[in-house]
Amino acid sequence: MQAEVISVVTTPASSYDLASLSDVKDELGVKDNSSNALLQRYLTSASAAVAQYCNRVFPAETMTETFWASRDRGWRKVLPSVQDLQLSRWPVQSVTSVTENGNALVEDIDFKVNAENGQLVRLNTNGYPRMWPVYPIVVVYTGGFATIPADVEDAVIRMVTKRYVSKGRDPSLKQESIPGVREVQYWIATGADSGNMTPDITDILDNYRTPAIA
């Protein structure tokens, strides 16, 4: 698909944390508030790491995205029109407006929304899919998760709890025994075993990853 896109967040999410502090504390069995600041810092950090790993923003936000047909860099020739418009945020919660060269389009008459993958399909007068024209197209919509998926939330909570319970401990320490006196084994961190994204976490998040665009 050939289109130049400018995306603007018009109504940002109220929070980018992918789990609640109360759920994190419940998982750890923490009853008081003495660790709130520390756990909140871990939670925000883990949520940011998950968003970066998946190359996407999870919470729903209202977006204004403008699409132009790509042009050849040499002769500035307009390249062929677009089959489907790919929005930057999905699932799509709602579409406020779509304008094509300044003219308002009507949902389910002029276009259809594939909410799950964030694509807009242009329709002809008979209601069948057709190519989008090379005119400027502006889409105002709300995209992202209204409720963070339970497995993503679980992955973030696992990251926070792993970090919390290992606080102050050498993360490369695998095993320590006293008889003898003292025998220590260390992990050799490689690939997915390094850092705080262990294989059980990446197995969950791989289902939500999107290709990174250079």
N, C-alpha and C. Protein backbone atom coordinates (compact mmCIF):
# COMPACT_ATOMS: atom_id res chain seq x y z
N MET A 1 0.84 -1.16 0.00
CA MET A 1 0.00 0.00 0.00
C MET A 1 0.89 1.23 0.00
N GLN A 2 0.61 2.19 -0.90
CA GLN A 2 1.45 3.36 -1.05
C GLN A 2 0.71 4.60 -0.56
N ALA A 3 1.09 5.10 0.60
CA ALA A 3 0.45 6.31 1.13
C ALA A 3 1.38 6.95 2.15
N GLU A 4 1.45 8.27 2.08
CA GLU A 4 2.14 9.04 3.10
C GLU A 4 1.12 9.37 4.19
N VAL A 5 1.51 9.21 5.44
CA VAL A 5 0.56 9.37 6.54
C VAL A 5 1.13 10.30 7.61
N ILE A 6 0.31 11.23 8.06
CA ILE A 6 0.63 12.05 9.23
C ILE A 6 -0.40 11.73 10.31
N SER A 7 0.08 11.32 11.48
CA SER A 7 -0.80 10.95 12.59
C SER A 7 -0.66 11.94 13.73
N VAL A 8 -1.79 12.41 14.22
CA VAL A 8 -1.81 13.36 15.34
C VAL A 8 -2.75 12.83 16.41
N VAL A 9 -2.26 12.78 17.65
CA VAL A 9 -3.11 12.38 18.78
C VAL A 9 -3.90 13.59 19.21
N THR A 10 -5.22 13.52 19.10
CA THR A 10 -6.06 14.65 19.49
C THR A 10 -6.62 14.51 20.90
N THR A 11 -6.83 13.28 21.34
CA THR A 11 -7.24 13.03 22.73
C THR A 11 -6.39 11.88 23.26
N PRO A 12 -5.35 12.18 24.04
CA PRO A 12 -4.46 11.13 24.54
C PRO A 12 -5.13 10.27 25.60
N ALA A 13 -4.56 9.10 25.83
CA ALA A 13 -5.04 8.22 26.89
C ALA A 13 -4.77 8.86 28.25
N SER A 14 -5.61 8.57 29.21
CA SER A 14 -5.41 9.11 30.56
C SER A 14 -4.21 8.48 31.24
N SER A 15 -3.87 7.27 30.86
CA SER A 15 -2.71 6.57 31.42
C SER A 15 -2.19 5.56 30.41
N TYR A 16 -0.88 5.34 30.43
CA TYR A 16 -0.28 4.35 29.54
C TYR A 16 0.17 3.10 30.30
N ASP A 17 -0.17 3.05 31.59
CA ASP A 17 0.10 1.85 32.36
C ASP A 17 -0.81 0.73 31.87
N LEU A 18 -0.27 -0.47 31.74
CA LEU A 18 -1.01 -1.59 31.16
C LEU A 18 -1.55 -2.56 32.22
N ALA A 19 -1.47 -2.16 33.47
CA ALA A 19 -2.06 -2.91 34.58
C ALA A 19 -2.31 -1.91 35.70
N SER A 20 -3.08 -2.32 36.67
CA SER A 20 -3.36 -1.41 37.79
C SER A 20 -2.43 -1.71 38.96
N LEU A 21 -2.15 -0.67 39.73
CA LEU A 21 -1.31 -0.84 40.91
C LEU A 21 -1.97 -1.79 41.90
N SER A 22 -3.28 -1.73 42.02
CA SER A 22 -3.98 -2.61 42.96
C SER A 22 -3.82 -4.08 42.57
N ASP A 23 -3.84 -4.38 41.26
CA ASP A 23 -3.65 -5.77 40.82
C ASP A 23 -2.23 -6.24 41.08
N VAL A 24 -1.27 -5.35 40.89
CA VAL A 24 0.13 -5.69 41.18
C VAL A 24 0.29 -6.01 42.66
N LYS A 25 -0.27 -5.17 43.53
CA LYS A 25 -0.17 -5.38 44.98
C LYS A 25 -0.88 -6.67 45.39
N ASP A 26 -2.01 -6.95 44.76
CA ASP A 26 -2.74 -8.18 45.06
C ASP A 26 -1.91 -9.40 44.70
N GLU A 27 -1.22 -9.34 43.55
CA GLU A 27 -0.37 -10.45 43.11
C GLU A 27 0.77 -10.69 44.10
N LEU A 28 1.30 -9.61 44.65
CA LEU A 28 2.43 -9.71 45.58
C LEU A 28 1.98 -9.91 47.03
N GLY A 29 0.71 -9.77 47.29
CA GLY A 29 0.22 -9.88 48.67
C GLY A 29 0.61 -8.69 49.51
N VAL A 30 0.82 -7.54 48.89
CA VAL A 30 1.19 -6.33 49.62
C VAL A 30 -0.08 -5.65 50.11
N LYS A 31 -0.18 -5.45 51.42
CA LYS A 31 -1.41 -4.91 52.00
C LYS A 31 -1.34 -3.42 52.32
N ASP A 32 -0.13 -2.91 52.61
CA ASP A 32 -0.03 -1.50 52.98
C ASP A 32 0.40 -0.66 51.77
N ASN A 33 0.62 0.62 52.01
CA ASN A 33 0.97 1.54 50.92
C ASN A 33 2.43 1.95 50.92
N SER A 34 3.24 1.30 51.75
CA SER A 34 4.63 1.73 51.89
C SER A 34 5.45 1.52 50.61
N SER A 35 5.02 0.58 49.77
CA SER A 35 5.77 0.30 48.53
C SER A 35 5.09 0.86 47.29
N ASN A 36 4.08 1.69 47.48
CA ASN A 36 3.32 2.20 46.34
C ASN A 36 4.18 2.92 45.30
N ALA A 37 5.03 3.82 45.77
CA ALA A 37 5.85 4.61 44.85
C ALA A 37 6.79 3.71 44.05
N LEU A 38 7.41 2.74 44.74
CA LEU A 38 8.34 1.82 44.06
C LEU A 38 7.59 0.96 43.04
N LEU A 39 6.47 0.39 43.45
CA LEU A 39 5.71 -0.48 42.54
C LEU A 39 5.14 0.31 41.37
N GLN A 40 4.74 1.54 41.60
CA GLN A 40 4.24 2.37 40.50
C GLN A 40 5.35 2.65 39.49
N ARG A 41 6.55 2.90 39.99
CA ARG A 41 7.69 3.13 39.09
C ARG A 41 7.97 1.88 38.26
N TYR A 42 7.96 0.71 38.90
CA TYR A 42 8.17 -0.54 38.18
C TYR A 42 7.07 -0.78 37.15
N LEU A 43 5.83 -0.46 37.53
CA LEU A 43 4.69 -0.67 36.65
C LEU A 43 4.77 0.21 35.41
N THR A 44 5.08 1.47 35.59
CA THR A 44 5.20 2.39 34.46
C THR A 44 6.34 1.99 33.55
N SER A 45 7.46 1.58 34.14
CA SER A 45 8.61 1.15 33.36
C SER A 45 8.30 -0.12 32.56
N ALA A 46 7.65 -1.09 33.19
CA ALA A 46 7.31 -2.34 32.51
C ALA A 46 6.32 -2.09 31.38
N SER A 47 5.35 -1.20 31.60
CA SER A 47 4.36 -0.88 30.57
C SER A 47 5.03 -0.24 29.36
N ALA A 48 5.98 0.66 29.62
CA ALA A 48 6.71 1.30 28.52
C ALA A 48 7.54 0.28 27.75
N ALA A 49 8.15 -0.67 28.47
CA ALA A 49 8.95 -1.70 27.81
C ALA A 49 8.09 -2.59 26.92
N VAL A 50 6.89 -2.92 27.39
CA VAL A 50 5.97 -3.74 26.60
C VAL A 50 5.53 -3.00 25.34
N ALA A 51 5.18 -1.72 25.48
CA ALA A 51 4.78 -0.92 24.33
C ALA A 51 5.90 -0.84 23.30
N GLN A 52 7.13 -0.66 23.78
CA GLN A 52 8.27 -0.59 22.87
C GLN A 52 8.53 -1.93 22.19
N TYR A 53 8.42 -3.02 22.95
CA TYR A 53 8.65 -4.35 22.39
C TYR A 53 7.62 -4.66 21.32
N CYS A 54 6.38 -4.24 21.53
CA CYS A 54 5.29 -4.55 20.60
C CYS A 54 5.14 -3.49 19.50
N ASN A 55 5.89 -2.39 19.59
CA ASN A 55 5.83 -1.33 18.58
C ASN A 55 4.43 -0.75 18.43
N ARG A 56 3.73 -0.56 19.56
CA ARG A 56 2.37 -0.02 19.46
C ARG A 56 1.97 0.63 20.77
N VAL A 57 0.95 1.50 20.69
CA VAL A 57 0.32 2.09 21.86
C VAL A 57 -0.94 1.29 22.14
N PHE A 58 -1.07 0.76 23.34
CA PHE A 58 -2.21 -0.10 23.66
C PHE A 58 -3.48 0.66 24.03
N PRO A 59 -3.43 1.65 24.94
CA PRO A 59 -4.68 2.30 25.36
C PRO A 59 -5.32 3.08 24.21
N ALA A 60 -6.64 3.12 24.19
CA ALA A 60 -7.37 3.82 23.14
C ALA A 60 -7.11 5.33 23.20
N GLU A 61 -6.90 5.94 22.02
CA GLU A 61 -6.73 7.37 21.90
C GLU A 61 -7.49 7.85 20.66
N THR A 62 -7.89 9.11 20.67
CA THR A 62 -8.52 9.69 19.49
C THR A 62 -7.44 10.26 18.58
N MET A 63 -7.50 9.87 17.31
CA MET A 63 -6.46 10.21 16.34
C MET A 63 -7.05 10.97 15.16
N THR A 64 -6.24 11.85 14.57
CA THR A 64 -6.53 12.43 13.27
C THR A 64 -5.38 12.04 12.35
N GLU A 65 -5.70 11.27 11.30
CA GLU A 65 -4.66 10.80 10.39
C GLU A 65 -4.98 11.26 8.97
N THR A 66 -3.97 11.82 8.32
CA THR A 66 -4.11 12.33 6.96
C THR A 66 -3.27 11.47 6.02
N PHE A 67 -3.91 11.00 4.95
CA PHE A 67 -3.26 10.13 3.97
C PHE A 67 -3.14 10.86 2.64
N TRP A 68 -1.94 10.78 2.04
CA TRP A 68 -1.72 11.26 0.67
C TRP A 68 -1.14 10.12 -0.15
N ALA A 69 -1.47 10.08 -1.42
CA ALA A 69 -0.85 9.09 -2.30
C ALA A 69 0.64 9.41 -2.41
N SER A 70 1.47 8.36 -2.36
CA SER A 70 2.91 8.54 -2.47
C SER A 70 3.27 9.06 -3.86
N ARG A 71 4.39 9.79 -3.93
CA ARG A 71 4.88 10.31 -5.20
C ARG A 71 6.28 9.80 -5.45
N ASP A 72 6.59 9.57 -6.71
CA ASP A 72 7.92 9.16 -7.10
C ASP A 72 8.89 10.31 -6.79
N ARG A 73 10.02 10.00 -6.20
CA ARG A 73 10.94 11.05 -5.76
C ARG A 73 11.65 11.74 -6.91
N GLY A 74 11.74 11.05 -8.03
CA GLY A 74 12.43 11.67 -9.16
C GLY A 74 11.55 12.64 -9.92
N TRP A 75 10.47 12.12 -10.51
CA TRP A 75 9.58 12.93 -11.35
C TRP A 75 8.35 13.43 -10.59
N ARG A 76 8.25 13.10 -9.33
CA ARG A 76 7.11 13.50 -8.50
C ARG A 76 5.80 12.99 -9.07
N LYS A 77 5.86 11.85 -9.72
CA LYS A 77 4.67 11.23 -10.29
C LYS A 77 3.86 10.57 -9.18
N VAL A 78 2.54 10.76 -9.22
CA VAL A 78 1.68 10.13 -8.23
C VAL A 78 1.64 8.64 -8.48
N LEU A 79 1.92 7.85 -7.44
CA LEU A 79 1.93 6.40 -7.56
C LEU A 79 0.49 5.86 -7.49
N PRO A 80 0.30 4.59 -7.83
CA PRO A 80 -1.06 4.04 -7.88
C PRO A 80 -1.83 4.22 -6.58
N SER A 81 -3.15 4.25 -6.68
CA SER A 81 -4.00 4.47 -5.51
C SER A 81 -3.92 3.30 -4.54
N VAL A 82 -4.55 3.47 -3.39
CA VAL A 82 -4.40 2.55 -2.27
C VAL A 82 -5.59 1.58 -2.20
N GLN A 83 -5.27 0.32 -1.92
CA GLN A 83 -6.34 -0.68 -1.79
C GLN A 83 -7.13 -0.46 -0.50
N ASP A 84 -6.45 -0.53 0.64
CA ASP A 84 -7.09 -0.29 1.95
C ASP A 84 -6.26 0.72 2.72
N LEU A 85 -6.91 1.53 3.52
CA LEU A 85 -6.20 2.46 4.39
C LEU A 85 -5.91 1.76 5.71
N GLN A 86 -4.62 1.74 6.09
CA GLN A 86 -4.22 1.12 7.34
C GLN A 86 -4.06 2.20 8.40
N LEU A 87 -4.93 2.20 9.39
CA LEU A 87 -4.82 3.15 10.49
C LEU A 87 -3.70 2.71 11.43
N SER A 88 -3.16 3.66 12.17
CA SER A 88 -2.01 3.35 13.03
C SER A 88 -2.42 2.73 14.36
N ARG A 89 -3.69 2.88 14.75
CA ARG A 89 -4.14 2.32 16.02
C ARG A 89 -5.30 1.36 15.78
N TRP A 90 -5.25 0.26 16.43
CA TRP A 90 -6.36 -0.70 16.37
C TRP A 90 -6.31 -1.55 17.63
N PRO A 91 -7.44 -2.20 17.97
CA PRO A 91 -8.72 -2.22 17.28
C PRO A 91 -9.38 -0.84 17.26
N VAL A 92 -10.19 -0.61 16.23
CA VAL A 92 -10.88 0.67 16.09
C VAL A 92 -12.14 0.65 16.96
N GLN A 93 -12.24 1.63 17.84
CA GLN A 93 -13.42 1.72 18.70
C GLN A 93 -14.57 2.45 17.99
N SER A 94 -14.24 3.50 17.26
CA SER A 94 -15.25 4.25 16.53
C SER A 94 -14.57 5.14 15.50
N VAL A 95 -15.29 5.47 14.44
CA VAL A 95 -14.81 6.40 13.42
C VAL A 95 -15.72 7.62 13.47
N THR A 96 -15.12 8.79 13.74
CA THR A 96 -15.89 10.03 13.83
C THR A 96 -16.19 10.59 12.45
N SER A 97 -15.17 10.63 11.59
CA SER A 97 -15.37 11.17 10.25
C SER A 97 -14.28 10.68 9.30
N VAL A 98 -14.64 10.61 8.03
CA VAL A 98 -13.69 10.34 6.95
C VAL A 98 -14.01 11.33 5.83
N THR A 99 -13.03 12.12 5.43
CA THR A 99 -13.22 13.04 4.32
C THR A 99 -12.25 12.71 3.20
N GLU A 100 -12.72 12.80 1.99
CA GLU A 100 -11.93 12.48 0.79
C GLU A 100 -11.93 13.71 -0.09
N ASN A 101 -10.76 14.36 -0.19
CA ASN A 101 -10.65 15.61 -0.93
C ASN A 101 -11.64 16.65 -0.42
N GLY A 102 -11.88 16.65 0.90
CA GLY A 102 -12.76 17.61 1.53
C GLY A 102 -14.22 17.19 1.59
N ASN A 103 -14.58 16.07 0.96
CA ASN A 103 -15.96 15.61 0.94
C ASN A 103 -16.16 14.52 1.99
N ALA A 104 -17.22 14.67 2.80
CA ALA A 104 -17.50 13.70 3.86
C ALA A 104 -18.01 12.39 3.28
N LEU A 105 -17.48 11.28 3.79
CA LEU A 105 -17.93 9.95 3.38
C LEU A 105 -18.80 9.35 4.48
N VAL A 106 -19.66 8.42 4.08
CA VAL A 106 -20.61 7.81 5.01
C VAL A 106 -20.22 6.35 5.24
N GLU A 107 -20.10 5.99 6.51
CA GLU A 107 -19.74 4.61 6.86
C GLU A 107 -20.82 3.63 6.40
N ASP A 108 -20.37 2.49 5.88
CA ASP A 108 -21.21 1.40 5.37
C ASP A 108 -21.89 1.73 4.03
N ILE A 109 -21.69 2.97 3.55
CA ILE A 109 -22.14 3.32 2.20
C ILE A 109 -20.94 3.61 1.31
N ASP A 110 -20.05 4.50 1.80
CA ASP A 110 -18.83 4.84 1.05
C ASP A 110 -17.62 4.03 1.49
N PHE A 111 -17.63 3.54 2.71
CA PHE A 111 -16.51 2.76 3.22
C PHE A 111 -16.97 1.85 4.34
N LYS A 112 -16.18 0.82 4.59
CA LYS A 112 -16.41 -0.07 5.73
C LYS A 112 -15.17 -0.09 6.60
N VAL A 113 -15.40 -0.36 7.88
CA VAL A 113 -14.31 -0.41 8.85
C VAL A 113 -14.06 -1.84 9.28
N ASN A 114 -12.81 -2.28 9.12
CA ASN A 114 -12.40 -3.55 9.71
C ASN A 114 -11.80 -3.19 11.07
N ALA A 115 -12.64 -3.24 12.10
CA ALA A 115 -12.24 -2.74 13.42
C ALA A 115 -11.07 -3.52 14.01
N GLU A 116 -11.05 -4.82 13.76
CA GLU A 116 -10.03 -5.66 14.40
C GLU A 116 -8.62 -5.34 13.93
N ASN A 117 -8.44 -5.10 12.63
CA ASN A 117 -7.08 -4.83 12.14
C ASN A 117 -6.86 -3.37 11.75
N GLY A 118 -7.86 -2.51 11.97
CA GLY A 118 -7.67 -1.08 11.75
C GLY A 118 -7.59 -0.67 10.30
N GLN A 119 -8.32 -1.31 9.43
CA GLN A 119 -8.30 -0.97 8.01
C GLN A 119 -9.65 -0.41 7.56
N LEU A 120 -9.59 0.56 6.63
CA LEU A 120 -10.79 1.12 6.01
C LEU A 120 -10.85 0.67 4.57
N VAL A 121 -11.99 0.12 4.17
CA VAL A 121 -12.19 -0.39 2.81
C VAL A 121 -13.13 0.56 2.08
N ARG A 122 -12.67 1.07 0.94
CA ARG A 122 -13.52 1.98 0.13
C ARG A 122 -14.52 1.15 -0.66
N LEU A 123 -15.76 1.65 -0.77
CA LEU A 123 -16.82 0.94 -1.48
C LEU A 123 -17.25 1.71 -2.72
N ASN A 124 -17.65 0.96 -3.77
CA ASN A 124 -18.20 1.61 -4.94
C ASN A 124 -19.72 1.78 -4.76
N THR A 125 -20.39 2.29 -5.77
CA THR A 125 -21.82 2.57 -5.65
C THR A 125 -22.66 1.31 -5.47
N ASN A 126 -22.08 0.14 -5.78
CA ASN A 126 -22.78 -1.13 -5.60
C ASN A 126 -22.44 -1.80 -4.28
N GLY A 127 -21.62 -1.13 -3.47
CA GLY A 127 -21.27 -1.68 -2.17
C GLY A 127 -20.13 -2.68 -2.18
N TYR A 128 -19.35 -2.71 -3.29
CA TYR A 128 -18.22 -3.62 -3.38
C TYR A 128 -16.91 -2.86 -3.18
N PRO A 129 -15.87 -3.54 -2.68
CA PRO A 129 -14.59 -2.86 -2.45
C PRO A 129 -13.98 -2.32 -3.74
N ARG A 130 -13.35 -1.16 -3.61
CA ARG A 130 -12.61 -0.58 -4.72
C ARG A 130 -11.40 0.15 -4.17
N MET A 131 -10.55 0.63 -5.05
CA MET A 131 -9.35 1.34 -4.62
C MET A 131 -9.72 2.72 -4.08
N TRP A 132 -8.95 3.17 -3.08
CA TRP A 132 -9.08 4.55 -2.64
C TRP A 132 -8.44 5.45 -3.69
N PRO A 133 -8.99 6.63 -3.93
CA PRO A 133 -8.40 7.52 -4.92
C PRO A 133 -7.14 8.20 -4.39
N VAL A 134 -6.50 9.00 -5.23
CA VAL A 134 -5.24 9.64 -4.84
C VAL A 134 -5.48 10.98 -4.13
N TYR A 135 -6.74 11.32 -3.87
CA TYR A 135 -7.04 12.56 -3.16
C TYR A 135 -6.58 12.48 -1.70
N PRO A 136 -6.34 13.64 -1.06
CA PRO A 136 -6.06 13.62 0.38
C PRO A 136 -7.25 13.06 1.16
N ILE A 137 -6.97 12.21 2.13
CA ILE A 137 -8.02 11.58 2.93
C ILE A 137 -7.70 11.84 4.40
N VAL A 138 -8.69 12.32 5.14
CA VAL A 138 -8.50 12.61 6.57
C VAL A 138 -9.47 11.73 7.37
N VAL A 139 -8.91 10.99 8.33
CA VAL A 139 -9.71 10.09 9.16
C VAL A 139 -9.59 10.51 10.63
N VAL A 140 -10.72 10.72 11.27
CA VAL A 140 -10.75 10.99 12.71
C VAL A 140 -11.41 9.80 13.37
N TYR A 141 -10.72 9.19 14.29
CA TYR A 141 -11.22 7.95 14.89
C TYR A 141 -10.62 7.73 16.26
N THR A 142 -11.18 6.78 16.99
CA THR A 142 -10.61 6.33 18.26
C THR A 142 -10.14 4.90 18.08
N GLY A 143 -8.85 4.68 18.33
CA GLY A 143 -8.27 3.36 18.13
C GLY A 143 -7.39 2.94 19.28
N GLY A 144 -7.31 1.65 19.51
CA GLY A 144 -6.58 1.09 20.64
C GLY A 144 -7.54 0.31 21.51
N PHE A 145 -7.05 -0.21 22.60
CA PHE A 145 -7.87 -1.05 23.48
C PHE A 145 -8.58 -0.21 24.53
N ALA A 146 -9.91 -0.30 24.55
CA ALA A 146 -10.68 0.35 25.62
C ALA A 146 -10.37 -0.32 26.95
N THR A 147 -10.17 -1.63 26.91
CA THR A 147 -9.74 -2.41 28.08
C THR A 147 -8.51 -3.21 27.68
N ILE A 148 -7.43 -3.08 28.43
CA ILE A 148 -6.20 -3.78 28.10
C ILE A 148 -6.45 -5.28 28.17
N PRO A 149 -6.02 -6.05 27.15
CA PRO A 149 -6.23 -7.50 27.17
C PRO A 149 -5.65 -8.14 28.43
N ALA A 150 -6.35 -9.13 28.94
CA ALA A 150 -5.96 -9.76 30.21
C ALA A 150 -4.57 -10.37 30.14
N ASP A 151 -4.20 -10.93 28.98
CA ASP A 151 -2.88 -11.55 28.90
C ASP A 151 -1.76 -10.52 28.87
N VAL A 152 -2.01 -9.35 28.26
CA VAL A 152 -1.02 -8.27 28.27
C VAL A 152 -0.86 -7.74 29.69
N GLU A 153 -1.96 -7.56 30.37
CA GLU A 153 -1.93 -7.13 31.77
C GLU A 153 -1.14 -8.13 32.62
N ASP A 154 -1.38 -9.42 32.37
CA ASP A 154 -0.68 -10.47 33.11
C ASP A 154 0.82 -10.42 32.85
N ALA A 155 1.21 -10.16 31.60
CA ALA A 155 2.64 -10.08 31.26
C ALA A 155 3.31 -8.94 32.02
N VAL A 156 2.63 -7.79 32.10
CA VAL A 156 3.19 -6.65 32.81
C VAL A 156 3.30 -6.94 34.31
N ILE A 157 2.28 -7.55 34.88
CA ILE A 157 2.31 -7.89 36.30
C ILE A 157 3.45 -8.87 36.59
N ARG A 158 3.66 -9.83 35.71
CA ARG A 158 4.78 -10.76 35.89
C ARG A 158 6.11 -10.02 35.89
N MET A 159 6.25 -9.06 34.98
CA MET A 159 7.50 -8.28 34.93
C MET A 159 7.73 -7.51 36.22
N VAL A 160 6.67 -6.89 36.74
CA VAL A 160 6.80 -6.10 37.97
C VAL A 160 7.11 -7.00 39.15
N THR A 161 6.40 -8.12 39.27
CA THR A 161 6.63 -9.00 40.42
C THR A 161 8.02 -9.63 40.38
N LYS A 162 8.48 -10.01 39.20
CA LYS A 162 9.84 -10.57 39.09
C LYS A 162 10.87 -9.55 39.56
N ARG A 163 10.68 -8.31 39.16
CA ARG A 163 11.63 -7.27 39.56
C ARG A 163 11.55 -6.98 41.05
N TYR A 164 10.33 -6.98 41.58
CA TYR A 164 10.14 -6.65 43.00
C TYR A 164 10.75 -7.71 43.91
N VAL A 165 10.46 -8.98 43.62
CA VAL A 165 10.94 -10.04 44.51
C VAL A 165 12.45 -10.23 44.41
N SER A 166 13.06 -9.75 43.32
CA SER A 166 14.51 -9.89 43.17
C SER A 166 15.24 -8.60 43.52
N LYS A 167 14.52 -7.63 44.08
CA LYS A 167 15.12 -6.35 44.44
C LYS A 167 16.30 -6.56 45.40
N GLY A 168 17.44 -5.98 45.03
CA GLY A 168 18.64 -6.09 45.86
C GLY A 168 19.42 -7.37 45.67
N ARG A 169 18.92 -8.26 44.79
CA ARG A 169 19.60 -9.54 44.56
C ARG A 169 20.32 -9.50 43.22
N ASP A 170 21.47 -10.14 43.14
CA ASP A 170 22.21 -10.23 41.89
C ASP A 170 21.35 -10.99 40.87
N PRO A 171 20.92 -10.34 39.77
CA PRO A 171 20.03 -11.01 38.81
C PRO A 171 20.68 -12.17 38.08
N SER A 172 22.02 -12.25 38.11
CA SER A 172 22.69 -13.36 37.43
C SER A 172 22.89 -14.57 38.34
N LEU A 173 22.49 -14.44 39.64
CA LEU A 173 22.64 -15.54 40.59
C LEU A 173 21.58 -16.61 40.33
N LYS A 174 22.02 -17.83 40.09
CA LYS A 174 21.11 -18.95 39.81
C LYS A 174 20.87 -19.78 41.06
N GLN A 175 21.93 -20.10 41.80
CA GLN A 175 21.80 -20.97 42.96
C GLN A 175 22.94 -20.69 43.93
N GLU A 176 22.60 -20.76 45.22
CA GLU A 176 23.60 -20.55 46.26
C GLU A 176 23.36 -21.56 47.37
N SER A 177 24.41 -22.29 47.78
CA SER A 177 24.30 -23.27 48.86
C SER A 177 25.41 -23.01 49.88
N ILE A 178 25.13 -23.31 51.15
CA ILE A 178 26.07 -23.02 52.24
C ILE A 178 27.06 -24.16 52.52
N PRO A 179 26.64 -25.45 52.54
CA PRO A 179 27.60 -26.50 52.91
C PRO A 179 28.85 -26.44 52.05
N GLY A 180 29.88 -26.32 52.73
CA GLY A 180 31.10 -26.52 51.96
C GLY A 180 32.26 -25.60 52.04
N VAL A 181 32.29 -24.36 52.32
CA VAL A 181 31.27 -23.38 52.68
C VAL A 181 31.01 -22.52 51.44
N ARG A 182 29.77 -22.43 51.04
CA ARG A 182 29.24 -21.58 49.99
C ARG A 182 29.63 -22.04 48.59
N GLU A 183 28.60 -22.39 47.85
CA GLU A 183 28.74 -22.73 46.44
C GLU A 183 27.72 -21.89 45.67
N VAL A 184 28.17 -21.23 44.63
CA VAL A 184 27.32 -20.29 43.89
C VAL A 184 27.31 -20.64 42.42
N GLN A 185 26.13 -20.60 41.81
CA GLN A 185 25.99 -20.77 40.36
C GLN A 185 25.32 -19.54 39.79
N TYR A 186 25.77 -19.11 38.60
CA TYR A 186 25.22 -17.93 37.96
C TYR A 186 24.61 -18.28 36.61
N TRP A 187 23.55 -17.52 36.27
CA TRP A 187 22.96 -17.66 34.95
C TRP A 187 23.88 -17.01 33.91
N ILE A 188 23.91 -17.57 32.74
CA ILE A 188 24.55 -16.90 31.61
C ILE A 188 23.41 -16.38 30.74
N ALA A 189 23.20 -15.06 30.76
CA ALA A 189 22.05 -14.48 30.08
C ALA A 189 22.25 -14.47 28.57
N THR A 190 21.32 -15.08 27.86
CA THR A 190 21.37 -15.10 26.40
C THR A 190 19.96 -14.92 25.86
N GLY A 191 19.86 -14.15 24.79
CA GLY A 191 18.58 -14.02 24.08
C GLY A 191 17.46 -13.60 25.00
N ALA A 192 16.35 -14.36 24.92
CA ALA A 192 15.15 -14.01 25.69
C ALA A 192 15.32 -14.26 27.18
N ASP A 193 16.40 -14.95 27.58
CA ASP A 193 16.62 -15.21 29.00
C ASP A 193 17.25 -14.02 29.71
N SER A 194 17.67 -13.00 28.94
CA SER A 194 18.30 -11.85 29.56
C SER A 194 17.26 -10.78 29.85
N GLY A 195 17.56 -9.90 30.81
CA GLY A 195 16.63 -8.83 31.14
C GLY A 195 15.41 -9.34 31.88
N ASN A 196 14.35 -8.52 31.88
CA ASN A 196 13.15 -8.90 32.63
C ASN A 196 12.05 -9.44 31.73
N MET A 197 12.30 -9.62 30.45
CA MET A 197 11.33 -10.24 29.55
C MET A 197 11.75 -11.68 29.30
N THR A 198 11.32 -12.53 30.20
CA THR A 198 11.63 -13.95 30.11
C THR A 198 10.72 -14.60 29.05
N PRO A 199 11.03 -15.83 28.63
CA PRO A 199 10.25 -16.45 27.55
C PRO A 199 8.75 -16.51 27.78
N ASP A 200 8.31 -16.71 29.04
CA ASP A 200 6.88 -16.76 29.28
C ASP A 200 6.20 -15.43 28.98
N ILE A 201 6.94 -14.34 29.16
CA ILE A 201 6.41 -13.01 28.87
C ILE A 201 6.41 -12.72 27.37
N THR A 202 7.53 -13.01 26.70
CA THR A 202 7.59 -12.76 25.26
C THR A 202 6.63 -13.65 24.49
N ASP A 203 6.35 -14.84 25.00
CA ASP A 203 5.36 -15.71 24.34
C ASP A 203 3.99 -15.04 24.29
N ILE A 204 3.65 -14.31 25.34
CA ILE A 204 2.38 -13.58 25.37
C ILE A 204 2.43 -12.38 24.42
N LEU A 205 3.50 -11.61 24.53
CA LEU A 205 3.57 -10.34 23.81
C LEU A 205 3.77 -10.51 22.31
N ASP A 206 4.35 -11.62 21.88
CA ASP A 206 4.57 -11.83 20.45
C ASP A 206 3.26 -11.81 19.66
N ASN A 207 2.16 -12.13 20.32
CA ASN A 207 0.86 -12.10 19.65
C ASN A 207 0.39 -10.69 19.34
N TYR A 208 1.03 -9.68 19.95
CA TYR A 208 0.61 -8.29 19.78
C TYR A 208 1.65 -7.44 19.08
N ARG A 209 2.75 -8.03 18.68
CA ARG A 209 3.82 -7.23 18.05
C ARG A 209 3.42 -6.79 16.64
N THR A 210 3.82 -5.59 16.28
CA THR A 210 3.63 -5.08 14.93
C THR A 210 5.00 -4.79 14.32
N PRO A 211 5.11 -4.88 13.00
CA PRO A 211 6.43 -4.64 12.37
C PRO A 211 6.91 -3.23 12.64
N ALA A 212 8.20 -3.12 12.95
CA ALA A 212 8.81 -1.80 13.13
C ALA A 212 9.06 -1.19 11.76
N ILE A 213 8.65 0.07 11.58
CA ILE A 213 8.82 0.74 10.29
C ILE A 213 10.01 1.68 10.40
N ALA A 214 10.99 1.47 9.54
CA ALA A 214 12.20 2.28 9.60
C ALA A 214 11.94 3.69 9.09
